Amino acid sequence: MKKIKIERMNHAKNLPLPSYASNNCSGLDLYAANTKDIIIKKGNIEIISTGLKVSLENNLEGQIRPRSGLALKHGITVLNSPGTIDSDYRGEIKIILINHGNSRFVVKRGMRIAQLVIIKVEKIKWNEKKISLNTKRKDSGFGSTGLRKW
């Protein structure tokens, strides 16, 4: 298991560090570090503080993803999902939430608001050449493989 440097800012000192809800979870739960309740009205967007900073190694990326329970039960999701934390970013992790639900949603301090998944990133170099269309799909796009009947 890889160790990642993390800093809890003053406004998050009494909150838990991101954690896995079970042994086989991919995402670490992130907690809201707001000092007062934040109301997200229907159709509105709010930035929620986590009070955390991380130091990722080169070739690692932090991805911010929605929590399925918030999406299903309340229509709350991460707007720029997945959000990216680059290895050279050292600022506070903040979560952009949007309310697609039918009523206002209250973000309370310590609430689990998103997930953090750490992944390896492969760096590439472009090799500019003509690309062959010799595949089943050729240059067809969305829906080109059709619907499958089971």
C-alpha atoms as a PDB file:
ATOM      1  CA  MET A   1       0.000   0.000   0.000  1.00  0.00           C
ATOM      2  CA  LYS A   2       1.349   3.391  -1.058  1.00  0.00           C
ATOM      3  CA  LYS A   3       1.698   6.178   1.521  1.00  0.00           C
ATOM      4  CA  ILE A   4       0.507   9.641   0.455  1.00  0.00           C
ATOM      5  CA  LYS A   5       1.348  12.861   2.320  1.00  0.00           C
ATOM      6  CA  ILE A   6      -1.765  14.637   3.584  1.00  0.00           C
ATOM      7  CA  GLU A   7      -2.306  17.785   5.631  1.00  0.00           C
ATOM      8  CA  ARG A   8      -5.402  18.594   7.668  1.00  0.00           C
ATOM      9  CA  MET A   9      -5.996  22.332   7.660  1.00  0.00           C
ATOM     10  CA  ASN A  10      -7.133  24.091  10.856  1.00  0.00           C
ATOM     11  CA  HIS A  11     -10.816  24.030   9.901  1.00  0.00           C
ATOM     12  CA  ALA A  12     -10.669  20.217   9.480  1.00  0.00           C
ATOM     13  CA  LYS A  13      -8.621  19.235  12.550  1.00  0.00           C
ATOM     14  CA  ASN A  14     -11.479  17.322  14.210  1.00  0.00           C
ATOM     15  CA  LEU A  15     -12.675  15.572  11.021  1.00  0.00           C
ATOM     16  CA  PRO A  16     -11.554  12.098   9.945  1.00  0.00           C
ATOM     17  CA  LEU A  17      -8.999  11.654   7.207  1.00  0.00           C
ATOM     18  CA  PRO A  18     -10.355  10.230   3.939  1.00  0.00           C
ATOM     19  CA  SER A  19     -11.073   6.550   4.483  1.00  0.00           C
ATOM     20  CA  TYR A  20     -12.299   3.438   2.696  1.00  0.00           C
ATOM     21  CA  ALA A  21     -15.774   2.347   3.822  1.00  0.00           C
ATOM     22  CA  SER A  22     -14.794  -1.320   3.306  1.00  0.00           C
ATOM     23  CA  ASN A  23     -11.701  -3.341   2.414  1.00  0.00           C
ATOM     24  CA  ASN A  24     -12.569  -3.541  -1.291  1.00  0.00           C
ATOM     25  CA  CYS A  25     -13.634   0.064  -1.922  1.00  0.00           C
ATOM     26  CA  SER A  26     -11.807   1.966  -4.670  1.00  0.00           C
ATOM     27  CA  GLY A  27     -12.687   5.413  -3.362  1.00  0.00           C
ATOM     28  CA  LEU A  28     -11.830   7.120  -0.110  1.00  0.00           C
ATOM     29  CA  ASP A  29     -14.717   9.063   1.418  1.00  0.00           C
ATOM     30  CA  LEU A  30     -14.159  12.832   1.634  1.00  0.00           C
ATOM     31  CA  TYR A  31     -15.843  14.846   4.384  1.00  0.00           C
ATOM     32  CA  ALA A  32     -17.296  18.359   4.318  1.00  0.00           C
ATOM     33  CA  ALA A  33     -15.224  20.797   6.395  1.00  0.00           C
ATOM     34  CA  ASN A  34     -17.672  23.710   6.311  1.00  0.00           C
ATOM     35  CA  THR A  35     -18.127  25.485   9.642  1.00  0.00           C
ATOM     36  CA  LYS A  36     -21.803  26.328   8.950  1.00  0.00           C
ATOM     37  CA  ASP A  37     -24.496  24.423   7.066  1.00  0.00           C
ATOM     38  CA  ILE A  38     -24.411  25.057   3.312  1.00  0.00           C
ATOM     39  CA  ILE A  39     -27.742  24.953   1.510  1.00  0.00           C
ATOM     40  CA  ILE A  40     -27.642  23.915  -2.141  1.00  0.00           C
ATOM     41  CA  LYS A  41     -30.893  24.999  -3.738  1.00  0.00           C
ATOM     42  CA  LYS A  42     -32.431  23.033  -6.593  1.00  0.00           C
ATOM     43  CA  GLY A  43     -30.325  23.644  -9.725  1.00  0.00           C
ATOM     44  CA  ASN A  44     -27.574  25.488  -7.817  1.00  0.00           C
ATOM     45  CA  ILE A  45     -23.851  24.860  -7.457  1.00  0.00           C
ATOM     46  CA  GLU A  46     -21.710  25.198  -4.322  1.00  0.00           C
ATOM     47  CA  ILE A  47     -18.015  24.651  -3.596  1.00  0.00           C
ATOM     48  CA  ILE A  48     -17.520  22.568  -0.462  1.00  0.00           C
ATOM     49  CA  SER A  49     -14.281  22.633   1.520  1.00  0.00           C
ATOM     50  CA  THR A  50     -12.625  19.402   2.653  1.00  0.00           C
ATOM     51  CA  GLY A  51      -9.887  21.103   4.695  1.00  0.00           C
ATOM     52  CA  LEU A  52      -7.307  18.782   3.139  1.00  0.00           C
ATOM     53  CA  LYS A  53      -4.154  19.175   1.081  1.00  0.00           C
ATOM     54  CA  VAL A  54      -2.316  16.234  -0.497  1.00  0.00           C
ATOM     55  CA  SER A  55       1.091  15.743  -2.067  1.00  0.00           C
ATOM     56  CA  LEU A  56       0.819  13.199  -4.857  1.00  0.00           C
ATOM     57  CA  GLU A  57       3.873  11.642  -6.452  1.00  0.00           C
ATOM     58  CA  ASN A  58       4.559  12.162 -10.153  1.00  0.00           C
ATOM     59  CA  ASN A  59       2.430   9.893 -12.364  1.00  0.00           C
ATOM     60  CA  LEU A  60      -0.400   9.811  -9.817  1.00  0.00           C
ATOM     61  CA  GLU A  61      -3.742  11.584 -10.122  1.00  0.00           C
ATOM     62  CA  GLY A  62      -6.479  12.093  -7.587  1.00  0.00           C
ATOM     63  CA  GLN A  63      -9.952  11.762  -9.088  1.00  0.00           C
ATOM     64  CA  ILE A  64     -12.933  13.294  -7.309  1.00  0.00           C
ATOM     65  CA  ARG A  65     -16.077  11.268  -7.923  1.00  0.00           C
ATOM     66  CA  PRO A  66     -19.689  11.502  -6.735  1.00  0.00           C
ATOM     67  CA  ARG A  67     -21.161   9.328  -4.016  1.00  0.00           C
ATOM     68  CA  SER A  68     -23.874   7.107  -5.442  1.00  0.00           C
ATOM     69  CA  GLY A  69     -26.145   7.458  -2.410  1.00  0.00           C
ATOM     70  CA  LEU A  70     -26.205  11.259  -2.667  1.00  0.00           C
ATOM     71  CA  ALA A  71     -26.909  11.019  -6.390  1.00  0.00           C
ATOM     72  CA  LEU A  72     -29.711   8.461  -6.032  1.00  0.00           C
ATOM     73  CA  LYS A  73     -31.440   9.833  -2.949  1.00  0.00           C
ATOM     74  CA  HIS A  74     -30.946  13.585  -3.437  1.00  0.00           C
ATOM     75  CA  GLY A  75     -29.749  14.289  -7.001  1.00  0.00           C
ATOM     76  CA  ILE A  76     -26.434  15.635  -5.643  1.00  0.00           C
ATOM     77  CA  THR A  77     -23.370  15.030  -7.796  1.00  0.00           C
ATOM     78  CA  VAL A  78     -19.866  16.321  -8.468  1.00  0.00           C
ATOM     79  CA  LEU A  79     -20.234  18.784 -11.318  1.00  0.00           C
ATOM     80  CA  ASN A  80     -16.885  18.239 -13.037  1.00  0.00           C
ATOM     81  CA  SER A  81     -16.834  14.509 -12.477  1.00  0.00           C
ATOM     82  CA  PRO A  82     -14.301  13.171 -12.290  1.00  0.00           C
ATOM     83  CA  GLY A  83     -12.472  16.190 -10.952  1.00  0.00           C
ATOM     84  CA  THR A  84      -8.704  15.990 -11.243  1.00  0.00           C
ATOM     85  CA  ILE A  85      -6.058  16.625  -8.602  1.00  0.00           C
ATOM     86  CA  ASP A  86      -2.746  16.829 -10.467  1.00  0.00           C
ATOM     87  CA  SER A  87       0.476  15.681  -8.823  1.00  0.00           C
ATOM     88  CA  ASP A  88       1.774  19.267  -8.674  1.00  0.00           C
ATOM     89  CA  TYR A  89      -1.352  20.777  -7.014  1.00  0.00           C
ATOM     90  CA  ARG A  90      -0.823  21.638  -3.357  1.00  0.00           C
ATOM     91  CA  GLY A  91      -3.923  23.685  -2.520  1.00  0.00           C
ATOM     92  CA  GLU A  92      -6.993  22.690  -0.566  1.00  0.00           C
ATOM     93  CA  ILE A  93      -9.198  20.015  -2.105  1.00  0.00           C
ATOM     94  CA  LYS A  94     -12.628  21.497  -2.710  1.00  0.00           C
ATOM     95  CA  ILE A  95     -15.638  19.741  -4.173  1.00  0.00           C
ATOM     96  CA  ILE A  96     -17.986  21.323  -6.727  1.00  0.00           C
ATOM     97  CA  LEU A  97     -21.452  19.961  -5.962  1.00  0.00           C
ATOM     98  CA  ILE A  98     -24.617  20.550  -7.976  1.00  0.00           C
ATOM     99  CA  ASN A  99     -28.173  19.837  -6.916  1.00  0.00           C
ATOM    100  CA  HIS A 100     -30.102  18.097  -9.703  1.00  0.00           C
ATOM    101  CA  GLY A 101     -32.749  17.041  -7.185  1.00  0.00           C
ATOM    102  CA  ASN A 102     -36.250  18.359  -6.580  1.00  0.00           C
ATOM    103  CA  SER A 103     -35.584  20.117  -3.283  1.00  0.00           C
ATOM    104  CA  ARG A 104     -32.858  21.959  -1.426  1.00  0.00           C
ATOM    105  CA  PHE A 105     -30.037  19.941   0.090  1.00  0.00           C
ATOM    106  CA  VAL A 106     -28.155  20.793   3.281  1.00  0.00           C
ATOM    107  CA  VAL A 107     -24.436  19.994   3.502  1.00  0.00           C
ATOM    108  CA  LYS A 108     -23.562  19.534   7.151  1.00  0.00           C
ATOM    109  CA  ARG A 109     -20.059  19.530   8.600  1.00  0.00           C
ATOM    110  CA  GLY A 110     -18.552  16.043   8.575  1.00  0.00           C
ATOM    111  CA  MET A 111     -20.943  14.730   5.907  1.00  0.00           C
ATOM    112  CA  ARG A 112     -19.426  12.374   3.331  1.00  0.00           C
ATOM    113  CA  ILE A 113     -19.713  14.405   0.113  1.00  0.00           C
ATOM    114  CA  ALA A 114     -17.506  12.739  -2.507  1.00  0.00           C
ATOM    115  CA  GLN A 115     -14.931  10.033  -3.116  1.00  0.00           C
ATOM    116  CA  LEU A 116     -11.228  10.306  -3.879  1.00  0.00           C
ATOM    117  CA  VAL A 117      -9.683   7.651  -6.134  1.00  0.00           C
ATOM    118  CA  ILE A 118      -5.902   7.675  -6.631  1.00  0.00           C
ATOM    119  CA  ILE A 119      -4.789   6.281  -9.988  1.00  0.00           C
ATOM    120  CA  LYS A 120      -1.580   5.903 -11.971  1.00  0.00           C
ATOM    121  CA  VAL A 121      -1.230   8.146 -15.015  1.00  0.00           C
ATOM    122  CA  GLU A 122       0.625   7.050 -18.135  1.00  0.00           C
ATOM    123  CA  LYS A 123       2.475   9.881 -19.898  1.00  0.00           C
ATOM    124  CA  ILE A 124       2.482   9.741 -23.694  1.00  0.00           C
ATOM    125  CA  LYS A 125       4.178  11.226 -26.725  1.00  0.00           C
ATOM    126  CA  TRP A 126       2.235  11.746 -29.952  1.00  0.00           C
ATOM    127  CA  ASN A 127       3.233   9.769 -33.017  1.00  0.00           C
ATOM    128  CA  GLU A 128       1.522  11.681 -35.812  1.00  0.00           C
ATOM    129  CA  LYS A 129       0.578   9.297 -38.645  1.00  0.00           C
ATOM    130  CA  LYS A 130      -2.383   8.479 -40.842  1.00  0.00           C
ATOM    131  CA  ILE A 131      -4.771   6.185 -38.985  1.00  0.00           C
ATOM    132  CA  SER A 132      -6.256   3.184 -40.758  1.00  0.00           C
ATOM    133  CA  LEU A 133     -10.048   2.773 -40.739  1.00  0.00           C
ATOM    134  CA  ASN A 134      -9.659  -0.985 -41.077  1.00  0.00           C
ATOM    135  CA  THR A 135     -11.820  -1.911 -38.057  1.00  0.00           C
ATOM    136  CA  LYS A 136     -15.404  -3.100 -37.621  1.00  0.00           C
ATOM    137  CA  ARG A 137     -16.475   0.413 -36.559  1.00  0.00           C
ATOM    138  CA  LYS A 138     -14.397   2.309 -39.122  1.00  0.00           C
ATOM    139  CA  ASP A 139     -15.056   6.010 -38.371  1.00  0.00           C
ATOM    140  CA  SER A 140     -18.588   5.495 -36.981  1.00  0.00           C
ATOM    141  CA  GLY A 141     -19.147   7.034 -33.572  1.00  0.00           C
ATOM    142  CA  PHE A 142     -21.880   7.037 -30.951  1.00  0.00           C
ATOM    143  CA  GLY A 143     -24.140   3.989 -31.115  1.00  0.00           C
ATOM    144  CA  SER A 144     -22.209   2.436 -34.000  1.00  0.00           C
ATOM    145  CA  THR A 145     -21.918  -0.953 -32.317  1.00  0.00           C
ATOM    146  CA  GLY A 146     -25.708  -1.134 -31.891  1.00  0.00           C
ATOM    147  CA  LEU A 147     -27.840  -2.506 -29.103  1.00  0.00           C
ATOM    148  CA  ARG A 148     -27.237  -6.052 -27.982  1.00  0.00           C
ATOM    149  CA  LYS A 149     -30.018  -8.541 -27.328  1.00  0.00           C
ATOM    150  CA  TRP A 150     -29.353 -11.032 -24.580  1.00  0.00           C
END
